[in-house]
């Protein structure tokens, strides 16, 4: 299965509670932190929820 690398590029300060919780569930706690996940539909949906706060790329 493909993997996805997610990096937080914008702050969560002043964001909606569900967006803050989504970042935390992805494992992102601070700016410029990067995590890797399997590219499952659940993870893709979480990234789409906070796509304005993160950058992402697929790892092959």
C-alpha atoms as a PDB file:
ATOM      1  CA  UNK A   1       0.000   0.000   0.000  1.00  0.00           C
ATOM      2  CA  UNK A   2       1.173   3.544  -0.698  1.00  0.00           C
ATOM      3  CA  UNK A   3       2.393   5.828   2.053  1.00  0.00           C
ATOM      4  CA  UNK A   4       1.775   9.539   2.499  1.00  0.00           C
ATOM      5  CA  UNK A   5       4.040  12.123   4.167  1.00  0.00           C
ATOM      6  CA  UNK A   6       2.150  14.953   5.906  1.00  0.00           C
ATOM      7  CA  UNK A   7       3.790  18.168   7.158  1.00  0.00           C
ATOM      8  CA  UNK A   8       2.061  20.900   9.156  1.00  0.00           C
ATOM      9  CA  UNK A   9       2.792  24.251   7.489  1.00  0.00           C
ATOM     10  CA  UNK A  10       0.294  26.559   9.234  1.00  0.00           C
ATOM     11  CA  UNK A  11      -0.561  27.059  12.877  1.00  0.00           C
ATOM     12  CA  UNK A  12      -3.622  25.548  14.515  1.00  0.00           C
ATOM     13  CA  UNK A  13      -4.164  28.656  16.660  1.00  0.00           C
ATOM     14  CA  UNK A  14      -7.628  30.083  16.071  1.00  0.00           C
ATOM     15  CA  UNK A  15      -8.857  27.055  14.107  1.00  0.00           C
ATOM     16  CA  UNK A  16     -12.023  25.073  14.719  1.00  0.00           C
ATOM     17  CA  UNK A  17     -11.918  22.384  17.378  1.00  0.00           C
ATOM     18  CA  UNK A  18     -12.456  19.560  14.878  1.00  0.00           C
ATOM     19  CA  UNK A  19      -9.466  20.758  12.834  1.00  0.00           C
ATOM     20  CA  UNK A  20      -7.262  20.846  15.941  1.00  0.00           C
ATOM     21  CA  UNK A  21      -8.353  17.330  16.863  1.00  0.00           C
ATOM     22  CA  UNK A  22      -7.709  16.104  13.328  1.00  0.00           C
ATOM     23  CA  UNK A  23      -4.147  17.456  13.431  1.00  0.00           C
ATOM     24  CA  UNK A  24      -3.617  15.748  16.785  1.00  0.00           C
ATOM     25  CA  UNK A  25      -5.032  12.475  15.451  1.00  0.00           C
ATOM     26  CA  UNK A  26      -2.596  12.666  12.531  1.00  0.00           C
ATOM     27  CA  UNK A  27       0.226  13.040  15.056  1.00  0.00           C
ATOM     28  CA  UNK A  28       1.015  16.675  14.249  1.00  0.00           C
ATOM     29  CA  UNK A  29       1.679  18.765  17.341  1.00  0.00           C
ATOM     30  CA  UNK A  30       3.805  21.664  16.083  1.00  0.00           C
ATOM     31  CA  UNK A  31       4.743  23.581  12.950  1.00  0.00           C
ATOM     32  CA  UNK A  32       6.995  21.891  10.372  1.00  0.00           C
ATOM     33  CA  UNK A  33       6.552  18.491  12.002  1.00  0.00           C
ATOM     34  CA  UNK A  34       6.339  15.629   9.509  1.00  0.00           C
ATOM     35  CA  UNK A  35       4.669  12.244   9.940  1.00  0.00           C
ATOM     36  CA  UNK A  36       4.169   9.272   7.624  1.00  0.00           C
ATOM     37  CA  UNK A  37       0.997   7.218   7.357  1.00  0.00           C
ATOM     38  CA  UNK A  38      -0.458   4.526   5.149  1.00  0.00           C
ATOM     39  CA  UNK A  39      -2.633   6.105   2.456  1.00  0.00           C
ATOM     40  CA  UNK A  40      -5.918   4.618   3.669  1.00  0.00           C
ATOM     41  CA  UNK A  41      -9.258   6.299   2.937  1.00  0.00           C
ATOM     42  CA  UNK A  42      -9.488   7.359   6.593  1.00  0.00           C
ATOM     43  CA  UNK A  43      -6.123   9.127   6.552  1.00  0.00           C
ATOM     44  CA  UNK A  44      -6.859  10.747   3.170  1.00  0.00           C
ATOM     45  CA  UNK A  45     -10.142  12.089   4.576  1.00  0.00           C
ATOM     46  CA  UNK A  46      -8.356  13.499   7.617  1.00  0.00           C
ATOM     47  CA  UNK A  47      -5.784  15.215   5.397  1.00  0.00           C
ATOM     48  CA  UNK A  48      -8.588  16.688   3.268  1.00  0.00           C
ATOM     49  CA  UNK A  49     -10.189  18.106   6.423  1.00  0.00           C
ATOM     50  CA  UNK A  50      -7.040  20.120   7.227  1.00  0.00           C
ATOM     51  CA  UNK A  51      -5.588  20.504   3.720  1.00  0.00           C
ATOM     52  CA  UNK A  52      -5.261  24.274   4.231  1.00  0.00           C
ATOM     53  CA  UNK A  53      -2.957  23.661   7.239  1.00  0.00           C
ATOM     54  CA  UNK A  54      -0.729  20.879   5.867  1.00  0.00           C
ATOM     55  CA  UNK A  55       1.260  19.881   2.825  1.00  0.00           C
ATOM     56  CA  UNK A  56       1.389  16.258   1.754  1.00  0.00           C
ATOM     57  CA  UNK A  57       3.098  14.047  -0.764  1.00  0.00           C
ATOM     58  CA  UNK A  58       2.814  10.415  -1.730  1.00  0.00           C
ATOM     59  CA  UNK A  59       5.838   8.209  -1.084  1.00  0.00           C
ATOM     60  CA  UNK A  60       6.351   5.287  -3.413  1.00  0.00           C
END
